[in-house]
Protein backbone atom coordinates (compact mmCIF):
# COMPACT_ATOMS: atom_id res chain seq x y z
CA MET A 1 -12.98 -40.62 23.91
CA ALA A 2 -10.18 -38.72 22.34
CA SER A 3 -10.91 -37.48 18.90
CA ASP A 4 -8.41 -36.44 16.29
CA ASN A 5 -10.38 -33.37 15.22
CA LYS A 6 -7.68 -30.77 14.84
CA LEU A 7 -8.17 -27.21 13.81
CA TYR A 8 -6.82 -26.56 10.33
CA ILE A 9 -5.92 -22.96 9.54
CA PRO A 10 -4.95 -22.49 5.91
CA LEU A 11 -2.09 -20.10 5.20
CA GLY A 12 -1.49 -18.03 2.09
CA VAL A 13 -5.09 -17.96 0.88
CA LYS A 14 -5.67 -14.94 -1.34
CA ILE A 15 -9.06 -13.25 -1.52
CA GLU A 16 -8.63 -11.88 -5.01
CA ARG A 17 -6.93 -13.03 -8.18
CA GLU A 18 -3.45 -11.69 -8.66
CA ILE A 19 -1.68 -10.68 -11.85
CA PHE A 20 1.60 -11.70 -10.23
CA ASN A 21 2.53 -12.49 -6.64
CA GLY A 22 1.32 -9.63 -4.41
CA PHE A 23 -0.16 -7.55 -7.25
CA GLY A 24 -3.90 -7.70 -7.92
CA ARG A 25 -6.50 -5.44 -9.49
CA LYS A 26 -6.49 -2.93 -6.62
CA GLN A 27 -2.71 -2.59 -6.85
CA LEU A 28 -2.97 -2.23 -10.64
CA PHE A 29 -5.36 0.70 -10.19
CA GLN A 30 -3.03 2.31 -7.61
CA ALA A 31 -0.02 1.81 -9.91
CA ILE A 32 -1.88 3.40 -12.84
CA ILE A 33 -2.71 6.44 -10.71
CA GLY A 34 0.94 6.70 -9.59
CA THR A 35 2.14 6.38 -13.18
CA LEU A 36 -0.24 9.14 -14.30
CA CYS A 37 1.06 11.40 -11.51
CA PHE A 38 4.62 10.74 -12.61
CA GLY A 39 3.49 11.41 -16.18
CA GLY A 40 2.51 14.91 -15.07
CA ILE A 41 5.88 15.33 -13.37
CA ALA A 42 7.60 14.09 -16.56
CA ALA A 43 5.62 16.65 -18.58
CA LEU A 44 6.85 19.41 -16.26
CA VAL A 45 10.41 18.09 -16.59
CA TYR A 46 10.08 18.21 -20.37
CA LEU A 47 8.74 21.78 -20.29
CA ILE A 48 11.70 22.86 -18.17
CA SER A 49 14.54 20.84 -19.72
CA ARG A 50 13.33 20.14 -23.32
CA ASN A 51 15.21 16.84 -23.06
CA ILE A 52 13.16 13.85 -24.26
CA ALA A 53 15.61 11.21 -23.00
CA PHE A 54 15.60 12.57 -19.46
CA THR A 55 11.81 12.90 -19.57
CA LEU A 56 11.42 9.25 -20.62
CA VAL A 57 13.77 8.13 -17.82
CA VAL A 58 11.67 10.05 -15.27
CA LEU A 59 8.49 8.49 -16.67
CA MET A 60 9.94 4.95 -16.64
CA PHE A 61 11.26 5.32 -13.08
CA GLY A 62 7.84 6.59 -12.06
CA ALA A 63 6.04 3.61 -13.61
CA VAL A 64 8.43 1.04 -12.14
CA GLY A 65 8.42 2.79 -8.76
CA SER A 66 4.61 2.83 -8.71
CA VAL A 67 4.47 -0.91 -9.30
CA MET A 68 7.14 -1.55 -6.64
CA MET A 69 5.39 0.64 -4.05
CA THR A 70 2.01 -1.04 -4.55
CA THR A 71 3.20 -4.68 -4.62
CA LYS A 72 2.46 -6.48 -1.34
CA ASP A 73 5.16 -8.40 0.52
CA GLN A 74 5.02 -11.49 2.75
CA SER A 75 3.19 -9.58 5.50
CA ASN A 76 0.46 -8.66 2.97
CA LEU A 77 1.32 -4.94 3.15
CA SER A 78 2.67 -2.65 0.47
CA VAL A 79 4.58 0.59 0.96
CA VAL A 80 1.39 2.52 0.16
CA ASP A 81 -0.54 0.52 2.79
CA GLN A 82 2.16 1.17 5.41
CA VAL A 83 2.13 4.92 4.72
CA GLN A 84 -1.69 4.93 4.96
CA ASN A 85 -1.47 3.13 8.31
CA MET A 86 1.08 5.66 9.61
CA PHE A 87 -1.14 8.62 8.65
CA ARG A 88 -4.17 6.90 10.20
CA PHE A 89 -2.20 6.42 13.43
CA ILE A 90 -0.96 10.03 13.44
CA ARG A 91 -4.50 11.35 13.01
CA GLY A 92 -5.97 8.98 15.59
CA GLN A 93 -6.71 9.70 19.23
CA LYS A 94 -3.79 9.08 21.56
CA LYS A 95 -4.95 10.60 24.85
CA TYR A 96 -7.82 8.98 26.68
CA PRO A 97 -8.81 11.20 29.63
CA TYR A 98 -10.80 9.45 32.32
CA LYS A 99 -11.81 9.96 35.90
CA PHE A 100 -11.36 7.26 38.49
CA LYS A 101 -14.62 6.26 40.13
CA THR A 102 -15.18 3.45 42.56
CA LYS A 103 -17.56 0.83 41.37
CA TRP A 104 -19.67 0.47 44.52
CA ARG A 105 -19.91 4.04 45.68
């Protein structure tokens, strides 16, 4: 008896609600942290240059860049995730020393 029970694998199912495509609560938190860091950089720029317009441009580029770097793409990875994976790989073990032994000796 042949049955028509086929395996159905759903694609594109998201585990968390997203604010917009590829940007959820976790990415919002990461973008806020990035924006705050660029806010500190903008404050330093203002202390050095005393130019409000340039300071606001640095702050706006920082905020937009933070959102762009934390938004996930089609492969479900963001730039921040890819950098974290690269550092995890660099810090990981790459040499696996072993000694050959016969199984039945």
